[in-house]
Each structure stands twice: as C-alpha cells, then as structure tokens.
Protein backbone atom coordinates (compact mmCIF):
# COMPACT_ATOMS: atom_id res chain seq x y z
CA MET A 1 -57.01 -159.95 -238.70
CA ALA A 2 -53.77 -161.75 -239.99
CA GLY A 3 -52.46 -158.10 -240.94
CA LYS A 4 -52.27 -157.05 -237.89
CA ASN A 5 -50.78 -160.21 -236.19
CA ALA A 6 -48.11 -160.46 -238.46
CA ARG A 7 -47.10 -156.37 -237.97
CA ASN A 8 -47.29 -157.07 -234.22
CA GLU A 9 -44.77 -160.04 -235.00
CA ALA A 10 -42.55 -158.00 -236.83
CA LEU A 11 -42.45 -155.25 -233.96
CA LYS A 12 -41.81 -158.00 -231.66
CA LEU A 13 -39.09 -159.25 -234.07
CA ILE A 14 -37.36 -155.81 -234.28
CA ALA A 15 -37.70 -154.78 -230.56
CA SER A 16 -35.86 -158.42 -229.91
CA TRP A 17 -33.17 -157.34 -232.42
CA PHE A 18 -32.65 -154.00 -230.70
CA ASN A 19 -32.20 -155.68 -227.33
CA GLY A 20 -30.02 -158.35 -228.21
CA ALA A 21 -27.87 -155.68 -230.29
CA SER A 22 -27.96 -153.39 -227.09
CA LEU A 23 -27.11 -156.32 -224.50
CA THR A 24 -23.84 -157.50 -226.90
CA ILE A 25 -22.50 -153.68 -227.19
CA ALA A 26 -22.91 -153.28 -223.57
CA GLY A 27 -21.34 -156.59 -222.51
CA ALA A 28 -18.64 -156.45 -225.38
CA GLY A 29 -18.26 -152.62 -224.64
CA VAL A 30 -17.48 -152.72 -220.80
CA ALA A 31 -16.20 -156.32 -220.48
CA LEU A 32 -13.60 -156.37 -222.88
CA PRO A 33 -11.84 -153.48 -222.22
CA ILE A 34 -11.87 -154.15 -218.33
CA LEU A 35 -10.59 -157.51 -219.30
CA SER A 36 -7.94 -156.32 -221.53
CA ARG A 37 -6.69 -153.76 -218.89
CA TYR A 38 -6.55 -155.66 -215.66
CA LEU A 39 -6.12 -159.39 -217.09
CA ASP A 40 -3.75 -158.95 -219.87
CA ILE A 41 -6.08 -160.35 -222.60
CA GLY A 42 -5.86 -158.97 -225.99
CA THR A 43 -4.65 -155.43 -226.90
CA ALA A 44 -4.86 -152.73 -223.70
CA ILE A 45 -6.29 -149.53 -223.83
CA TRP A 46 -3.81 -147.66 -221.47
CA ARG A 47 -4.64 -144.25 -221.61
CA PRO A 48 -7.30 -143.61 -219.06
CA GLU A 49 -9.49 -141.15 -220.97
CA LEU A 50 -9.53 -143.46 -223.88
CA PHE A 51 -10.43 -146.35 -221.64
CA TRP A 52 -13.38 -144.84 -219.71
CA ASN A 53 -14.74 -142.87 -222.79
CA SER A 54 -14.86 -146.19 -224.72
CA ILE A 55 -16.87 -147.77 -221.64
CA VAL A 56 -19.22 -144.64 -221.63
CA ILE A 57 -19.64 -144.47 -225.43
CA CYS A 58 -20.86 -148.33 -225.53
CA ILE A 59 -23.09 -147.83 -222.63
CA GLY A 60 -24.69 -145.01 -224.12
CA CYS A 61 -25.12 -147.10 -227.49
CA ALA A 62 -26.83 -149.92 -225.56
CA VAL A 63 -28.99 -147.59 -223.67
CA ILE A 64 -30.36 -145.93 -226.98
CA LEU A 65 -30.64 -149.39 -228.69
CA HIS A 66 -32.53 -150.71 -225.46
CA LEU A 67 -34.90 -147.68 -226.07
CA LEU A 68 -35.62 -148.05 -229.37
CA GLY A 69 -36.62 -152.00 -228.59
CA GLN A 70 -38.80 -150.33 -225.92
CA TYR A 71 -40.38 -148.14 -228.35
CA MET A 72 -41.07 -150.76 -230.66
CA VAL A 73 -42.78 -152.67 -228.10
CA GLY A 74 -45.30 -149.64 -227.37
CA ALA A 75 -46.23 -149.84 -230.75
CA ILE A 76 -47.79 -153.04 -230.45
CA ASN A 77 -51.45 -153.16 -231.07
CA ASP A 78 -53.85 -155.49 -228.95
C-alpha cells in the first residue's frame, strides 16, 4: 500500500511543478512585455510582430505545461 501512496504523492508533486511553471511562464511572458512596452520598464520590444509573437508563444507554452499537469493528476490511482 505504501508504494501506491508514494507514487500518487510523486504524481501530485510533478503536477504541481508543471502548474507552477505554467503560471510563471504565463505571468512573465505576458506581463513583462506589456509592462516594458507601455510603462517603460526594462528593455521594450518595439516591433509589433515580435511583441505579439512572444506573448502568444509564452501562452502556448503555459497551456502545454498546464495540460501536462492535468495529465499527471489523471494518472493518480485511488
């Protein structure tokens, strides 16, 4: 029984890590370009295609990491 519980806890930790990484990438990848461009904080991306592409790429990566976390939660055995 301890092996099953240990496996479930490991899967929960992995899922938590994926969700945390997802939130970090989404927050940094969306907020930082907007703050740098419109509030003159840090180095700004002035080319519109690079500005929006970087935001879309970060959102896409965040979604993929979130879905990986959800997949890990689905693998938990009761």
